[in-house]
Amino acid sequence: MTYTTYTPKFTGRNVPIAEIAKATGKDPQYIRIGLQRGIFKFGYAFKNDNSSEYNYFCPDKQVWEEIGYFREVAANE
């Protein structure tokens, strides 16, 4: 018996927090706090200097590896 594994075509796109939240059935704030505290390993939370705001980067490959979610996006999206 032969098995094939599916590996998505990763582009390095930043998967939005809202998209991850919808895919996991969690609140976006839950995802943000998990990233800020380093609990989730599928992305990064960067705190802006002299601010209480964060920027988030969740590469599509890391999201797929950690939670199994992937959505291919056309280059013009």
PDB file of N, CA and C in Angstrom:
ATOM      1  N   MET A   1       0.844  -1.177   0.000  1.00  0.00           N
ATOM      2  CA  MET A   1       0.000   0.000   0.000  1.00  0.00           C
ATOM      3  C   MET A   1       0.888   1.238   0.000  1.00  0.00           C
ATOM      4  N   THR A   2       0.536   2.180  -0.827  1.00  0.00           N
ATOM      5  CA  THR A   2       1.296   3.416  -0.941  1.00  0.00           C
ATOM      6  C   THR A   2       0.502   4.569  -0.341  1.00  0.00           C
ATOM      7  N   TYR A   3       1.186   5.346   0.452  1.00  0.00           N
ATOM      8  CA  TYR A   3       0.573   6.526   1.051  1.00  0.00           C
ATOM      9  C   TYR A   3       1.247   7.770   0.497  1.00  0.00           C
ATOM     10  N   THR A   4       0.455   8.772   0.244  1.00  0.00           N
ATOM     11  CA  THR A   4       1.012  10.055  -0.148  1.00  0.00           C
ATOM     12  C   THR A   4       0.625  11.083   0.898  1.00  0.00           C
ATOM     13  N   THR A   5       1.517  12.001   1.132  1.00  0.00           N
ATOM     14  CA  THR A   5       1.219  13.056   2.095  1.00  0.00           C
ATOM     15  C   THR A   5       1.002  14.358   1.346  1.00  0.00           C
ATOM     16  N   TYR A   6       0.088  15.110   1.845  1.00  0.00           N
ATOM     17  CA  TYR A   6      -0.237  16.397   1.244  1.00  0.00           C
ATOM     18  C   TYR A   6       0.532  17.494   1.966  1.00  0.00           C
ATOM     19  N   THR A   7       1.285  18.253   1.221  1.00  0.00           N
ATOM     20  CA  THR A   7       1.959  19.424   1.765  1.00  0.00           C
ATOM     21  C   THR A   7       1.482  20.627   0.960  1.00  0.00           C
ATOM     22  N   PRO A   8       0.864  21.573   1.622  1.00  0.00           N
ATOM     23  CA  PRO A   8       0.372  22.753   0.907  1.00  0.00           C
ATOM     24  C   PRO A   8       1.497  23.552   0.261  1.00  0.00           C
ATOM     25  N   LYS A   9       1.129  24.385  -0.665  1.00  0.00           N
ATOM     26  CA  LYS A   9       2.076  25.283  -1.325  1.00  0.00           C
ATOM     27  C   LYS A   9       2.143  26.579  -0.513  1.00  0.00           C
ATOM     28  N   PHE A  10       3.111  26.653   0.369  1.00  0.00           N
ATOM     29  CA  PHE A  10       3.235  27.791   1.266  1.00  0.00           C
ATOM     30  C   PHE A  10       3.792  29.013   0.542  1.00  0.00           C
ATOM     31  N   THR A  11       3.298  30.173   0.931  1.00  0.00           N
ATOM     32  CA  THR A  11       3.765  31.423   0.329  1.00  0.00           C
ATOM     33  C   THR A  11       4.422  32.342   1.357  1.00  0.00           C
ATOM     34  N   GLY A  12       4.299  31.988   2.638  1.00  0.00           N
ATOM     35  CA  GLY A  12       4.826  32.851   3.688  1.00  0.00           C
ATOM     36  C   GLY A  12       3.872  33.970   4.069  1.00  0.00           C
ATOM     37  N   ARG A  13       2.634  33.866   3.577  1.00  0.00           N
ATOM     38  CA  ARG A  13       1.678  34.937   3.882  1.00  0.00           C
ATOM     39  C   ARG A  13       1.383  34.989   5.376  1.00  0.00           C
ATOM     40  N   ASN A  14       1.063  36.152   5.825  1.00  0.00           N
ATOM     41  CA  ASN A  14       0.678  36.377   7.209  1.00  0.00           C
ATOM     42  C   ASN A  14      -0.813  36.064   7.338  1.00  0.00           C
ATOM     43  N   VAL A  15      -1.128  34.987   8.042  1.00  0.00           N
ATOM     44  CA  VAL A  15      -2.528  34.602   8.227  1.00  0.00           C
ATOM     45  C   VAL A  15      -3.139  35.534   9.275  1.00  0.00           C
ATOM     46  N   PRO A  16      -4.204  36.250   8.932  1.00  0.00           N
ATOM     47  CA  PRO A  16      -4.807  37.190   9.880  1.00  0.00           C
ATOM     48  C   PRO A  16      -5.348  36.503  11.141  1.00  0.00           C
ATOM     49  N   ILE A  17      -5.271  37.203  12.248  1.00  0.00           N
ATOM     50  CA  ILE A  17      -5.770  36.680  13.522  1.00  0.00           C
ATOM     51  C   ILE A  17      -7.237  36.288  13.394  1.00  0.00           C
ATOM     52  N   ALA A  18      -8.041  37.103  12.734  1.00  0.00           N
ATOM     53  CA  ALA A  18      -9.471  36.805  12.582  1.00  0.00           C
ATOM     54  C   ALA A  18      -9.689  35.497  11.831  1.00  0.00           C
ATOM     55  N   GLU A  19      -8.856  35.219  10.849  1.00  0.00           N
ATOM     56  CA  GLU A  19      -8.974  33.977  10.077  1.00  0.00           C
ATOM     57  C   GLU A  19      -8.613  32.770  10.941  1.00  0.00           C
ATOM     58  N   ILE A  20      -7.561  32.890  11.735  1.00  0.00           N
ATOM     59  CA  ILE A  20      -7.168  31.807  12.640  1.00  0.00           C
ATOM     60  C   ILE A  20      -8.251  31.568  13.682  1.00  0.00           C
ATOM     61  N   ALA A  21      -8.804  32.654  14.217  1.00  0.00           N
ATOM     62  CA  ALA A  21      -9.871  32.541  15.219  1.00  0.00           C
ATOM     63  C   ALA A  21     -11.084  31.821  14.642  1.00  0.00           C
ATOM     64  N   LYS A  22     -11.469  32.177  13.443  1.00  0.00           N
ATOM     65  CA  LYS A  22     -12.622  31.539  12.809  1.00  0.00           C
ATOM     66  C   LYS A  22     -12.356  30.053  12.560  1.00  0.00           C
ATOM     67  N   ALA A  23     -11.150  29.733  12.103  1.00  0.00           N
ATOM     68  CA  ALA A  23     -10.797  28.342  11.807  1.00  0.00           C
ATOM     69  C   ALA A  23     -10.757  27.475  13.064  1.00  0.00           C
ATOM     70  N   THR A  24     -10.406  28.071  14.195  1.00  0.00           N
ATOM     71  CA  THR A  24     -10.293  27.308  15.435  1.00  0.00           C
ATOM     72  C   THR A  24     -11.530  27.406  16.320  1.00  0.00           C
ATOM     73  N   GLY A  25     -12.442  28.313  15.959  1.00  0.00           N
ATOM     74  CA  GLY A  25     -13.643  28.493  16.768  1.00  0.00           C
ATOM     75  C   GLY A  25     -13.380  29.248  18.059  1.00  0.00           C
ATOM     76  N   LYS A  26     -12.307  29.996  18.081  1.00  0.00           N
ATOM     77  CA  LYS A  26     -11.942  30.783  19.266  1.00  0.00           C
ATOM     78  C   LYS A  26     -12.121  32.269  18.990  1.00  0.00           C
ATOM     79  N   ASP A  27     -12.162  33.051  20.054  1.00  0.00           N
ATOM     80  CA  ASP A  27     -12.261  34.499  19.950  1.00  0.00           C
ATOM     81  C   ASP A  27     -10.907  35.063  19.503  1.00  0.00           C
ATOM     82  N   PRO A  28     -10.889  36.082  18.648  1.00  0.00           N
ATOM     83  CA  PRO A  28      -9.608  36.672  18.230  1.00  0.00           C
ATOM     84  C   PRO A  28      -8.734  37.131  19.408  1.00  0.00           C
ATOM     85  N   GLN A  29      -9.357  37.642  20.449  1.00  0.00           N
ATOM     86  CA  GLN A  29      -8.575  38.085  21.613  1.00  0.00           C
ATOM     87  C   GLN A  29      -7.867  36.915  22.289  1.00  0.00           C
ATOM     88  N   TYR A  30      -8.489  35.759  22.292  1.00  0.00           N
ATOM     89  CA  TYR A  30      -7.884  34.533  22.829  1.00  0.00           C
ATOM     90  C   TYR A  30      -6.598  34.220  22.055  1.00  0.00           C
ATOM     91  N   ILE A  31      -6.656  34.329  20.741  1.00  0.00           N
ATOM     92  CA  ILE A  31      -5.493  34.061  19.897  1.00  0.00           C
ATOM     93  C   ILE A  31      -4.404  35.102  20.162  1.00  0.00           C
ATOM     94  N   ARG A  32      -4.788  36.374  20.227  1.00  0.00           N
ATOM     95  CA  ARG A  32      -3.808  37.443  20.470  1.00  0.00           C
ATOM     96  C   ARG A  32      -3.074  37.250  21.791  1.00  0.00           C
ATOM     97  N   ILE A  33      -3.816  36.969  22.845  1.00  0.00           N
ATOM     98  CA  ILE A  33      -3.199  36.803  24.171  1.00  0.00           C
ATOM     99  C   ILE A  33      -2.278  35.584  24.184  1.00  0.00           C
ATOM    100  N   GLY A  34      -2.704  34.502  23.553  1.00  0.00           N
ATOM    101  CA  GLY A  34      -1.858  33.309  23.463  1.00  0.00           C
ATOM    102  C   GLY A  34      -0.545  33.594  22.744  1.00  0.00           C
ATOM    103  N   LEU A  35      -0.592  34.397  21.705  1.00  0.00           N
ATOM    104  CA  LEU A  35       0.630  34.773  20.990  1.00  0.00           C
ATOM    105  C   LEU A  35       1.496  35.707  21.831  1.00  0.00           C
ATOM    106  N   GLN A  36       0.868  36.675  22.489  1.00  0.00           N
ATOM    107  CA  GLN A  36       1.617  37.613  23.336  1.00  0.00           C
ATOM    108  C   GLN A  36       2.354  36.890  24.450  1.00  0.00           C
ATOM    109  N   ARG A  37       1.740  35.888  25.025  1.00  0.00           N
ATOM    110  CA  ARG A  37       2.337  35.150  26.153  1.00  0.00           C
ATOM    111  C   ARG A  37       3.249  34.015  25.710  1.00  0.00           C
ATOM    112  N   GLY A  38       3.356  33.789  24.409  1.00  0.00           N
ATOM    113  CA  GLY A  38       4.217  32.721  23.914  1.00  0.00           C
ATOM    114  C   GLY A  38       3.635  31.336  24.073  1.00  0.00           C
ATOM    115  N   ILE A  39       2.347  31.249  24.359  1.00  0.00           N
ATOM    116  CA  ILE A  39       1.690  29.952  24.533  1.00  0.00           C
ATOM    117  C   ILE A  39       1.509  29.272  23.178  1.00  0.00           C
ATOM    118  N   PHE A  40       1.110  30.043  22.174  1.00  0.00           N
ATOM    119  CA  PHE A  40       0.922  29.505  20.829  1.00  0.00           C
ATOM    120  C   PHE A  40       2.225  29.652  20.053  1.00  0.00           C
ATOM    121  N   LYS A  41       2.579  28.627  19.324  1.00  0.00           N
ATOM    122  CA  LYS A  41       3.855  28.609  18.599  1.00  0.00           C
ATOM    123  C   LYS A  41       3.689  28.817  17.097  1.00  0.00           C
ATOM    124  N   PHE A  42       2.488  29.226  16.666  1.00  0.00           N
ATOM    125  CA  PHE A  42       2.248  29.390  15.234  1.00  0.00           C
ATOM    126  C   PHE A  42       2.410  30.832  14.762  1.00  0.00           C
ATOM    127  N   GLY A  43       2.965  31.685  15.601  1.00  0.00           N
ATOM    128  CA  GLY A  43       3.154  33.071  15.200  1.00  0.00           C
ATOM    129  C   GLY A  43       3.897  33.862  16.251  1.00  0.00           C
ATOM    130  N   TYR A  44       3.989  35.154  15.987  1.00  0.00           N
ATOM    131  CA  TYR A  44       4.755  36.053  16.850  1.00  0.00           C
ATOM    132  C   TYR A  44       3.941  37.305  17.152  1.00  0.00           C
ATOM    133  N   ALA A  45       4.117  37.821  18.353  1.00  0.00           N
ATOM    134  CA  ALA A  45       3.503  39.084  18.746  1.00  0.00           C
ATOM    135  C   ALA A  45       4.644  40.057  19.044  1.00  0.00           C
ATOM    136  N   PHE A  46       4.659  41.164  18.349  1.00  0.00           N
ATOM    137  CA  PHE A  46       5.681  42.188  18.540  1.00  0.00           C
ATOM    138  C   PHE A  46       5.046  43.414  19.164  1.00  0.00           C
ATOM    139  N   LYS A  47       5.572  43.836  20.311  1.00  0.00           N
ATOM    140  CA  LYS A  47       5.051  45.033  20.957  1.00  0.00           C
ATOM    141  C   LYS A  47       5.741  46.255  20.371  1.00  0.00           C
ATOM    142  N   ASN A  48       4.939  47.218  19.988  1.00  0.00           N
ATOM    143  CA  ASN A  48       5.489  48.462  19.444  1.00  0.00           C
ATOM    144  C   ASN A  48       6.162  49.263  20.550  1.00  0.00           C
ATOM    145  N   ASP A  49       7.297  49.864  20.236  1.00  0.00           N
ATOM    146  CA  ASP A  49       8.006  50.698  21.217  1.00  0.00           C
ATOM    147  C   ASP A  49       7.110  51.848  21.671  1.00  0.00           C
ATOM    148  N   ASN A  50       7.172  52.164  22.940  1.00  0.00           N
ATOM    149  CA  ASN A  50       6.426  53.282  23.527  1.00  0.00           C
ATOM    150  C   ASN A  50       4.925  53.195  23.269  1.00  0.00           C
ATOM    151  N   SER A  51       4.406  51.979  23.254  1.00  0.00           N
ATOM    152  CA  SER A  51       2.984  51.773  22.981  1.00  0.00           C
ATOM    153  C   SER A  51       2.522  50.501  23.676  1.00  0.00           C
ATOM    154  N   SER A  52       1.234  50.389  23.838  1.00  0.00           N
ATOM    155  CA  SER A  52       0.681  49.158  24.398  1.00  0.00           C
ATOM    156  C   SER A  52       0.143  48.243  23.289  1.00  0.00           C
ATOM    157  N   GLU A  53       0.336  48.662  22.031  1.00  0.00           N
ATOM    158  CA  GLU A  53      -0.182  47.888  20.901  1.00  0.00           C
ATOM    159  C   GLU A  53       0.826  46.856  20.401  1.00  0.00           C
ATOM    160  N   TYR A  54       0.273  45.778  19.832  1.00  0.00           N
ATOM    161  CA  TYR A  54       1.080  44.703  19.278  1.00  0.00           C
ATOM    162  C   TYR A  54       0.808  44.556  17.792  1.00  0.00           C
ATOM    163  N   ASN A  55       1.807  44.047  17.084  1.00  0.00           N
ATOM    164  CA  ASN A  55       1.652  43.590  15.709  1.00  0.00           C
ATOM    165  C   ASN A  55       1.842  42.078  15.745  1.00  0.00           C
ATOM    166  N   TYR A  56       1.161  41.375  14.847  1.00  0.00           N
ATOM    167  CA  TYR A  56       1.201  39.919  14.846  1.00  0.00           C
ATOM    168  C   TYR A  56       1.659  39.410  13.498  1.00  0.00           C
ATOM    169  N   PHE A  57       2.466  38.363  13.515  1.00  0.00           N
ATOM    170  CA  PHE A  57       2.906  37.698  12.291  1.00  0.00           C
ATOM    171  C   PHE A  57       2.721  36.210  12.474  1.00  0.00           C
ATOM    172  N   CYS A  58       1.864  35.630  11.642  1.00  0.00           N
ATOM    173  CA  CYS A  58       1.559  34.203  11.700  1.00  0.00           C
ATOM    174  C   CYS A  58       1.769  33.618  10.311  1.00  0.00           C
ATOM    175  N   PRO A  59       2.977  33.122  10.021  1.00  0.00           N
ATOM    176  CA  PRO A  59       3.259  32.567   8.697  1.00  0.00           C
ATOM    177  C   PRO A  59       2.400  31.341   8.409  1.00  0.00           C
ATOM    178  N   ASP A  60       1.933  31.235   7.174  1.00  0.00           N
ATOM    179  CA  ASP A  60       1.021  30.149   6.812  1.00  0.00           C
ATOM    180  C   ASP A  60       1.594  28.765   7.121  1.00  0.00           C
ATOM    181  N   LYS A  61       2.891  28.564   6.934  1.00  0.00           N
ATOM    182  CA  LYS A  61       3.488  27.248   7.200  1.00  0.00           C
ATOM    183  C   LYS A  61       3.429  26.904   8.686  1.00  0.00           C
ATOM    184  N   GLN A  62       3.741  27.857   9.545  1.00  0.00           N
ATOM    185  CA  GLN A  62       3.698  27.605  10.985  1.00  0.00           C
ATOM    186  C   GLN A  62       2.275  27.336  11.457  1.00  0.00           C
ATOM    187  N   VAL A  63       1.320  28.071  10.924  1.00  0.00           N
ATOM    188  CA  VAL A  63      -0.080  27.862  11.291  1.00  0.00           C
ATOM    189  C   VAL A  63      -0.491  26.444  10.901  1.00  0.00           C
ATOM    190  N   TRP A  64      -0.136  26.008   9.705  1.00  0.00           N
ATOM    191  CA  TRP A  64      -0.477  24.669   9.239  1.00  0.00           C
ATOM    192  C   TRP A  64       0.197  23.601  10.102  1.00  0.00           C
ATOM    193  N   GLU A  65       1.486  23.797  10.420  1.00  0.00           N
ATOM    194  CA  GLU A  65       2.215  22.809  11.219  1.00  0.00           C
ATOM    195  C   GLU A  65       1.654  22.676  12.629  1.00  0.00           C
ATOM    196  N   GLU A  66       1.208  23.775  13.216  1.00  0.00           N
ATOM    197  CA  GLU A  66       0.748  23.751  14.609  1.00  0.00           C
ATOM    198  C   GLU A  66      -0.727  23.425  14.769  1.00  0.00           C
ATOM    199  N   ILE A  67      -1.580  23.955  13.886  1.00  0.00           N
ATOM    200  CA  ILE A  67      -3.012  23.721  14.079  1.00  0.00           C
ATOM    201  C   ILE A  67      -3.680  23.023  12.900  1.00  0.00           C
ATOM    202  N   GLY A  68      -2.924  22.783  11.822  1.00  0.00           N
ATOM    203  CA  GLY A  68      -3.463  22.053  10.690  1.00  0.00           C
ATOM    204  C   GLY A  68      -4.347  22.870   9.766  1.00  0.00           C
ATOM    205  N   TYR A  69      -4.310  24.181   9.897  1.00  0.00           N
ATOM    206  CA  TYR A  69      -5.141  25.036   9.060  1.00  0.00           C
ATOM    207  C   TYR A  69      -4.314  25.639   7.936  1.00  0.00           C
ATOM    208  N   PHE A  70      -4.849  25.579   6.706  1.00  0.00           N
ATOM    209  CA  PHE A  70      -4.207  26.210   5.566  1.00  0.00           C
ATOM    210  C   PHE A  70      -5.285  26.630   4.583  1.00  0.00           C
ATOM    211  N   ARG A  71      -5.112  27.806   4.025  1.00  0.00           N
ATOM    212  CA  ARG A  71      -5.988  28.294   2.960  1.00  0.00           C
ATOM    213  C   ARG A  71      -5.099  28.949   1.924  1.00  0.00           C
ATOM    214  N   GLU A  72      -5.161  28.397   0.718  1.00  0.00           N
ATOM    215  CA  GLU A  72      -4.367  28.971  -0.366  1.00  0.00           C
ATOM    216  C   GLU A  72      -5.045  30.260  -0.827  1.00  0.00           C
ATOM    217  N   VAL A  73      -4.254  31.276  -0.999  1.00  0.00           N
ATOM    218  CA  VAL A  73      -4.760  32.578  -1.401  1.00  0.00           C
ATOM    219  C   VAL A  73      -4.139  32.957  -2.732  1.00  0.00           C
ATOM    220  N   ALA A  74      -4.949  33.426  -3.645  1.00  0.00           N
ATOM    221  CA  ALA A  74      -4.442  33.870  -4.940  1.00  0.00           C
ATOM    222  C   ALA A  74      -3.509  35.057  -4.753  1.00  0.00           C
ATOM    223  N   ALA A  75      -2.571  35.211  -5.667  1.00  0.00           N
ATOM    224  CA  ALA A  75      -1.566  36.274  -5.568  1.00  0.00           C
ATOM    225  C   ALA A  75      -2.197  37.664  -5.531  1.00  0.00           C
ATOM    226  N   ASN A  76      -3.367  37.840  -6.135  1.00  0.00           N
ATOM    227  CA  ASN A  76      -3.986  39.170  -6.157  1.00  0.00           C
ATOM    228  C   ASN A  76      -4.877  39.423  -4.951  1.00  0.00           C
ATOM    229  N   GLU A  77      -5.007  38.467  -4.030  1.00  0.00           N
ATOM    230  CA  GLU A  77      -5.839  38.690  -2.834  1.00  0.00           C
ATOM    231  C   GLU A  77      -5.087  39.400  -1.762  1.00  0.00           C
TER     232      GLU A  77
END
